[in-house]
Amino acid sequence: MVKNKNDNKQVATIRYSIAGKQYQCALEDGWLYSANEKIVAIVAPEYPEKAKAYCFWGYWLNWREFIASIAIGVLLFQVAVSITNNPTPEALIEQLSYKEEKKTKYDF
């Protein structure tokens, strides 16, 4: 944890070295980690100043993706409900004129 320069709040950071050069990167979801906790970081060789902590929340799934997937699910559910609640006139006539066929107990 390092103090932020702007507002003096504690910010979770990753400190690492590549080829003898020291780097420090702030974590987006710092609330997941405790002070001095050792974590696995993933670093792209092209951008050594940008690192991510390797954990499910934050690396595989983040807030934007989570909220977007919930919103898409709700939207698709609403589309399905609106389609099934408003049948076309032809489908409504077909449903009203349906008569169940008489079947034997064991229909082979």
N, C-alpha and C. Protein backbone atom coordinates (compact mmCIF):
# COMPACT_ATOMS: atom_id res chain seq x y z
N MET A 1 0.84 -1.17 0.00
CA MET A 1 0.00 0.00 0.00
C MET A 1 0.89 1.24 0.00
N VAL A 2 0.54 2.19 -0.83
CA VAL A 2 1.29 3.43 -0.96
C VAL A 2 0.30 4.57 -0.85
N LYS A 3 0.70 5.68 -0.26
CA LYS A 3 -0.18 6.84 -0.15
C LYS A 3 -0.25 7.56 -1.49
N ASN A 4 -1.48 7.91 -1.88
CA ASN A 4 -1.71 8.64 -3.11
C ASN A 4 -1.26 10.09 -2.91
N LYS A 5 -0.62 10.68 -3.93
CA LYS A 5 -0.11 12.05 -3.82
C LYS A 5 -1.25 13.07 -3.76
N ASN A 6 -2.35 12.80 -4.45
CA ASN A 6 -3.43 13.80 -4.54
C ASN A 6 -4.25 13.91 -3.26
N ASP A 7 -4.69 12.80 -2.69
CA ASP A 7 -5.59 12.87 -1.55
C ASP A 7 -5.10 12.12 -0.31
N ASN A 8 -3.86 11.67 -0.29
CA ASN A 8 -3.24 10.99 0.85
C ASN A 8 -3.94 9.70 1.26
N LYS A 9 -4.71 9.08 0.38
CA LYS A 9 -5.35 7.80 0.68
C LYS A 9 -4.40 6.66 0.32
N GLN A 10 -4.60 5.53 0.99
CA GLN A 10 -3.80 4.34 0.71
C GLN A 10 -4.24 3.72 -0.61
N VAL A 11 -3.31 3.42 -1.49
CA VAL A 11 -3.59 2.80 -2.77
C VAL A 11 -2.77 1.52 -2.87
N ALA A 12 -3.44 0.44 -3.24
CA ALA A 12 -2.73 -0.83 -3.41
C ALA A 12 -1.89 -0.77 -4.68
N THR A 13 -0.65 -1.17 -4.58
CA THR A 13 0.25 -1.13 -5.72
C THR A 13 1.00 -2.45 -5.87
N ILE A 14 1.47 -2.67 -7.08
CA ILE A 14 2.35 -3.80 -7.37
C ILE A 14 3.74 -3.24 -7.62
N ARG A 15 4.72 -3.80 -6.96
CA ARG A 15 6.11 -3.42 -7.20
C ARG A 15 6.82 -4.64 -7.78
N TYR A 16 7.53 -4.41 -8.87
CA TYR A 16 8.21 -5.52 -9.54
C TYR A 16 9.42 -4.98 -10.30
N SER A 17 10.30 -5.89 -10.65
CA SER A 17 11.47 -5.48 -11.41
C SER A 17 11.62 -6.39 -12.63
N ILE A 18 11.98 -5.76 -13.74
CA ILE A 18 12.24 -6.48 -14.99
C ILE A 18 13.59 -6.01 -15.51
N ALA A 19 14.46 -6.96 -15.70
CA ALA A 19 15.82 -6.68 -16.19
C ALA A 19 16.52 -5.63 -15.33
N GLY A 20 16.33 -5.71 -14.03
CA GLY A 20 17.01 -4.81 -13.11
C GLY A 20 16.35 -3.45 -12.94
N LYS A 21 15.32 -3.15 -13.71
CA LYS A 21 14.63 -1.87 -13.59
C LYS A 21 13.38 -2.04 -12.74
N GLN A 22 13.18 -1.15 -11.77
CA GLN A 22 12.06 -1.21 -10.85
C GLN A 22 10.83 -0.53 -11.43
N TYR A 23 9.65 -1.16 -11.23
CA TYR A 23 8.38 -0.60 -11.69
C TYR A 23 7.39 -0.64 -10.54
N GLN A 24 6.41 0.24 -10.60
CA GLN A 24 5.34 0.28 -9.61
C GLN A 24 4.05 0.63 -10.34
N CYS A 25 3.00 -0.14 -10.09
CA CYS A 25 1.73 0.05 -10.78
C CYS A 25 0.59 -0.02 -9.77
N ALA A 26 -0.35 0.93 -9.83
CA ALA A 26 -1.50 0.93 -8.92
C ALA A 26 -2.51 -0.11 -9.38
N LEU A 27 -3.14 -0.80 -8.41
CA LEU A 27 -4.16 -1.79 -8.71
C LEU A 27 -5.53 -1.13 -8.77
N GLU A 28 -6.33 -1.52 -9.75
CA GLU A 28 -7.68 -0.98 -9.87
C GLU A 28 -8.57 -1.46 -8.73
N ASP A 29 -8.47 -2.72 -8.38
CA ASP A 29 -9.29 -3.30 -7.32
C ASP A 29 -8.42 -3.62 -6.12
N GLY A 30 -7.89 -2.58 -5.50
CA GLY A 30 -6.99 -2.74 -4.38
C GLY A 30 -7.65 -3.27 -3.13
N TRP A 31 -8.96 -3.15 -3.03
CA TRP A 31 -9.68 -3.62 -1.84
C TRP A 31 -9.62 -5.13 -1.69
N LEU A 32 -9.20 -5.85 -2.73
CA LEU A 32 -9.13 -7.30 -2.66
C LEU A 32 -7.89 -7.80 -1.91
N TYR A 33 -6.93 -6.92 -1.69
CA TYR A 33 -5.64 -7.37 -1.16
C TYR A 33 -5.33 -6.68 0.16
N SER A 34 -4.56 -7.36 0.99
CA SER A 34 -4.11 -6.76 2.24
C SER A 34 -2.69 -6.22 2.07
N ALA A 35 -2.24 -5.46 3.05
CA ALA A 35 -0.91 -4.86 2.97
C ALA A 35 0.16 -5.94 2.96
N ASN A 36 1.17 -5.76 2.17
CA ASN A 36 2.33 -6.64 2.03
C ASN A 36 1.96 -8.05 1.58
N GLU A 37 0.82 -8.22 0.98
CA GLU A 37 0.43 -9.53 0.45
C GLU A 37 1.16 -9.76 -0.86
N LYS A 38 1.73 -10.93 -1.01
CA LYS A 38 2.41 -11.26 -2.25
C LYS A 38 1.39 -11.82 -3.23
N ILE A 39 1.37 -11.25 -4.43
CA ILE A 39 0.43 -11.67 -5.45
C ILE A 39 1.18 -11.92 -6.75
N VAL A 40 0.56 -12.69 -7.62
CA VAL A 40 1.13 -12.96 -8.93
C VAL A 40 0.69 -11.85 -9.87
N ALA A 41 1.63 -11.24 -10.55
CA ALA A 41 1.32 -10.17 -11.49
C ALA A 41 1.60 -10.62 -12.91
N ILE A 42 0.78 -10.15 -13.83
CA ILE A 42 0.98 -10.43 -15.26
C ILE A 42 1.43 -9.14 -15.91
N VAL A 43 2.56 -9.21 -16.60
CA VAL A 43 3.14 -8.03 -17.22
C VAL A 43 3.42 -8.34 -18.68
N ALA A 44 2.98 -7.45 -19.57
CA ALA A 44 3.29 -7.58 -20.99
C ALA A 44 4.70 -7.04 -21.23
N PRO A 45 5.54 -7.77 -21.94
CA PRO A 45 6.91 -7.30 -22.17
C PRO A 45 6.98 -5.95 -22.90
N GLU A 46 5.98 -5.68 -23.75
CA GLU A 46 5.97 -4.42 -24.50
C GLU A 46 5.65 -3.23 -23.60
N TYR A 47 4.86 -3.45 -22.55
CA TYR A 47 4.44 -2.40 -21.64
C TYR A 47 4.74 -2.79 -20.19
N PRO A 48 6.00 -2.75 -19.80
CA PRO A 48 6.33 -3.21 -18.45
C PRO A 48 5.78 -2.31 -17.34
N GLU A 49 5.38 -1.08 -17.68
CA GLU A 49 4.84 -0.20 -16.65
C GLU A 49 3.38 -0.48 -16.34
N LYS A 50 2.73 -1.33 -17.15
CA LYS A 50 1.33 -1.71 -16.93
C LYS A 50 1.28 -3.17 -16.50
N ALA A 51 0.83 -3.40 -15.29
CA ALA A 51 0.74 -4.77 -14.76
C ALA A 51 -0.66 -5.00 -14.21
N LYS A 52 -1.07 -6.24 -14.18
CA LYS A 52 -2.35 -6.64 -13.60
C LYS A 52 -2.11 -7.77 -12.62
N ALA A 53 -2.88 -7.77 -11.56
CA ALA A 53 -2.81 -8.87 -10.61
C ALA A 53 -3.55 -10.06 -11.20
N TYR A 54 -2.96 -11.23 -11.11
CA TYR A 54 -3.57 -12.43 -11.68
C TYR A 54 -4.53 -13.04 -10.67
N CYS A 55 -5.81 -12.67 -10.80
CA CYS A 55 -6.88 -13.24 -9.99
C CYS A 55 -8.14 -13.18 -10.83
N PHE A 56 -9.17 -13.90 -10.42
CA PHE A 56 -10.39 -13.96 -11.22
C PHE A 56 -11.02 -12.59 -11.35
N TRP A 57 -11.23 -11.91 -10.20
CA TRP A 57 -11.85 -10.59 -10.25
C TRP A 57 -10.77 -9.55 -10.54
N GLY A 58 -10.92 -8.83 -11.60
CA GLY A 58 -9.96 -7.80 -11.96
C GLY A 58 -9.18 -8.17 -13.20
N TYR A 59 -8.85 -9.45 -13.36
CA TYR A 59 -8.14 -9.87 -14.56
C TYR A 59 -9.09 -10.56 -15.54
N TRP A 60 -9.77 -11.59 -15.08
CA TRP A 60 -10.70 -12.31 -15.95
C TRP A 60 -12.04 -11.60 -16.06
N LEU A 61 -12.46 -10.93 -15.01
CA LEU A 61 -13.75 -10.25 -15.00
C LEU A 61 -13.60 -8.94 -14.22
N ASN A 62 -14.08 -7.84 -14.80
CA ASN A 62 -14.05 -6.56 -14.09
C ASN A 62 -15.45 -5.97 -14.04
N TRP A 63 -15.57 -4.81 -13.37
CA TRP A 63 -16.89 -4.22 -13.15
C TRP A 63 -17.61 -3.91 -14.44
N ARG A 64 -16.93 -3.33 -15.44
CA ARG A 64 -17.59 -2.98 -16.69
C ARG A 64 -18.14 -4.21 -17.40
N GLU A 65 -17.37 -5.27 -17.46
CA GLU A 65 -17.83 -6.50 -18.10
C GLU A 65 -18.99 -7.12 -17.34
N PHE A 66 -18.91 -7.10 -16.01
CA PHE A 66 -19.96 -7.67 -15.18
C PHE A 66 -21.28 -6.92 -15.37
N ILE A 67 -21.23 -5.60 -15.31
CA ILE A 67 -22.44 -4.79 -15.47
C ILE A 67 -22.98 -4.91 -16.89
N ALA A 68 -22.10 -4.94 -17.89
CA ALA A 68 -22.54 -5.08 -19.28
C ALA A 68 -23.22 -6.43 -19.50
N SER A 69 -22.70 -7.50 -18.92
CA SER A 69 -23.32 -8.82 -19.10
C SER A 69 -24.68 -8.88 -18.41
N ILE A 70 -24.81 -8.26 -17.25
CA ILE A 70 -26.11 -8.20 -16.57
C ILE A 70 -27.10 -7.40 -17.41
N ALA A 71 -26.67 -6.26 -17.94
CA ALA A 71 -27.55 -5.41 -18.75
C ALA A 71 -27.99 -6.13 -20.02
N ILE A 72 -27.09 -6.84 -20.68
CA ILE A 72 -27.44 -7.58 -21.89
C ILE A 72 -28.42 -8.70 -21.55
N GLY A 73 -28.20 -9.39 -20.44
CA GLY A 73 -29.13 -10.44 -20.02
C GLY A 73 -30.52 -9.90 -19.75
N VAL A 74 -30.62 -8.77 -19.06
CA VAL A 74 -31.92 -8.15 -18.78
C VAL A 74 -32.58 -7.71 -20.09
N LEU A 75 -31.81 -7.13 -20.98
CA LEU A 75 -32.35 -6.68 -22.27
C LEU A 75 -32.89 -7.87 -23.07
N LEU A 76 -32.14 -8.95 -23.15
CA LEU A 76 -32.61 -10.12 -23.90
C LEU A 76 -33.84 -10.74 -23.25
N PHE A 77 -33.90 -10.74 -21.93
CA PHE A 77 -35.07 -11.24 -21.23
C PHE A 77 -36.30 -10.39 -21.57
N GLN A 78 -36.14 -9.08 -21.58
CA GLN A 78 -37.25 -8.19 -21.91
C GLN A 78 -37.71 -8.38 -23.35
N VAL A 79 -36.78 -8.61 -24.27
CA VAL A 79 -37.15 -8.88 -25.66
C VAL A 79 -37.94 -10.18 -25.74
N ALA A 80 -37.51 -11.22 -25.04
CA ALA A 80 -38.22 -12.50 -25.05
C ALA A 80 -39.62 -12.35 -24.45
N VAL A 81 -39.75 -11.61 -23.37
CA VAL A 81 -41.06 -11.41 -22.75
C VAL A 81 -41.98 -10.63 -23.68
N SER A 82 -41.46 -9.59 -24.33
CA SER A 82 -42.31 -8.79 -25.21
C SER A 82 -42.74 -9.59 -26.44
N ILE A 83 -41.91 -10.48 -26.93
CA ILE A 83 -42.28 -11.30 -28.08
C ILE A 83 -43.36 -12.31 -27.70
N THR A 84 -43.23 -12.94 -26.54
CA THR A 84 -44.20 -13.97 -26.15
C THR A 84 -45.50 -13.38 -25.63
N ASN A 85 -45.48 -12.15 -25.12
CA ASN A 85 -46.71 -11.53 -24.63
C ASN A 85 -47.53 -10.86 -25.74
N ASN A 86 -46.95 -10.60 -26.87
CA ASN A 86 -47.63 -9.94 -27.98
C ASN A 86 -47.59 -10.82 -29.23
N PRO A 87 -48.38 -11.90 -29.26
CA PRO A 87 -48.33 -12.77 -30.44
C PRO A 87 -49.01 -12.10 -31.64
N THR A 88 -48.65 -12.55 -32.81
CA THR A 88 -49.28 -12.04 -34.03
C THR A 88 -50.72 -12.55 -34.09
N PRO A 89 -51.61 -11.87 -34.84
CA PRO A 89 -53.00 -12.33 -34.92
C PRO A 89 -53.13 -13.76 -35.43
N GLU A 90 -52.28 -14.15 -36.39
CA GLU A 90 -52.33 -15.52 -36.91
C GLU A 90 -52.00 -16.54 -35.83
N ALA A 91 -50.98 -16.24 -35.02
CA ALA A 91 -50.59 -17.16 -33.95
C ALA A 91 -51.68 -17.23 -32.88
N LEU A 92 -52.34 -16.11 -32.61
CA LEU A 92 -53.41 -16.09 -31.63
C LEU A 92 -54.61 -16.91 -32.09
N ILE A 93 -54.98 -16.81 -33.37
CA ILE A 93 -56.07 -17.61 -33.94
C ILE A 93 -55.73 -19.09 -33.87
N GLU A 94 -54.48 -19.42 -34.19
CA GLU A 94 -54.05 -20.82 -34.15
C GLU A 94 -54.12 -21.37 -32.72
N GLN A 95 -53.73 -20.57 -31.74
CA GLN A 95 -53.78 -21.03 -30.34
C GLN A 95 -55.22 -21.22 -29.88
N LEU A 96 -56.12 -20.32 -30.29
CA LEU A 96 -57.52 -20.41 -29.86
C LEU A 96 -58.26 -21.55 -30.53
N SER A 97 -57.86 -21.91 -31.75
CA SER A 97 -58.55 -22.98 -32.47
C SER A 97 -57.93 -24.35 -32.21
N TYR A 98 -56.99 -24.46 -31.34
CA TYR A 98 -56.32 -25.73 -31.06
C TYR A 98 -57.26 -26.67 -30.32
N LYS A 99 -57.31 -27.90 -30.79
CA LYS A 99 -58.08 -28.95 -30.13
C LYS A 99 -57.14 -30.12 -29.89
N GLU A 100 -57.12 -30.58 -28.66
CA GLU A 100 -56.22 -31.67 -28.31
C GLU A 100 -56.71 -32.96 -28.96
N GLU A 101 -55.79 -33.67 -29.58
CA GLU A 101 -56.14 -34.92 -30.25
C GLU A 101 -56.34 -36.02 -29.22
N LYS A 102 -57.26 -36.91 -29.53
CA LYS A 102 -57.50 -38.04 -28.66
C LYS A 102 -56.41 -39.08 -28.94
N LYS A 103 -55.70 -39.45 -27.89
CA LYS A 103 -54.59 -40.39 -28.05
C LYS A 103 -54.83 -41.59 -27.15
N THR A 104 -54.30 -42.71 -27.57
CA THR A 104 -54.35 -43.90 -26.74
C THR A 104 -53.33 -43.76 -25.62
N LYS A 105 -53.44 -44.62 -24.63
CA LYS A 105 -52.54 -44.53 -23.49
C LYS A 105 -51.09 -44.74 -23.92
N TYR A 106 -50.85 -45.71 -24.74
CA TYR A 106 -49.52 -45.99 -25.23
C TYR A 106 -49.51 -45.77 -26.72
N ASP A 107 -49.00 -44.65 -27.15
CA ASP A 107 -49.00 -44.30 -28.56
C ASP A 107 -47.69 -44.76 -29.19
N PHE A 108 -47.77 -45.84 -29.97
CA PHE A 108 -46.59 -46.39 -30.62
C PHE A 108 -46.48 -45.95 -32.03
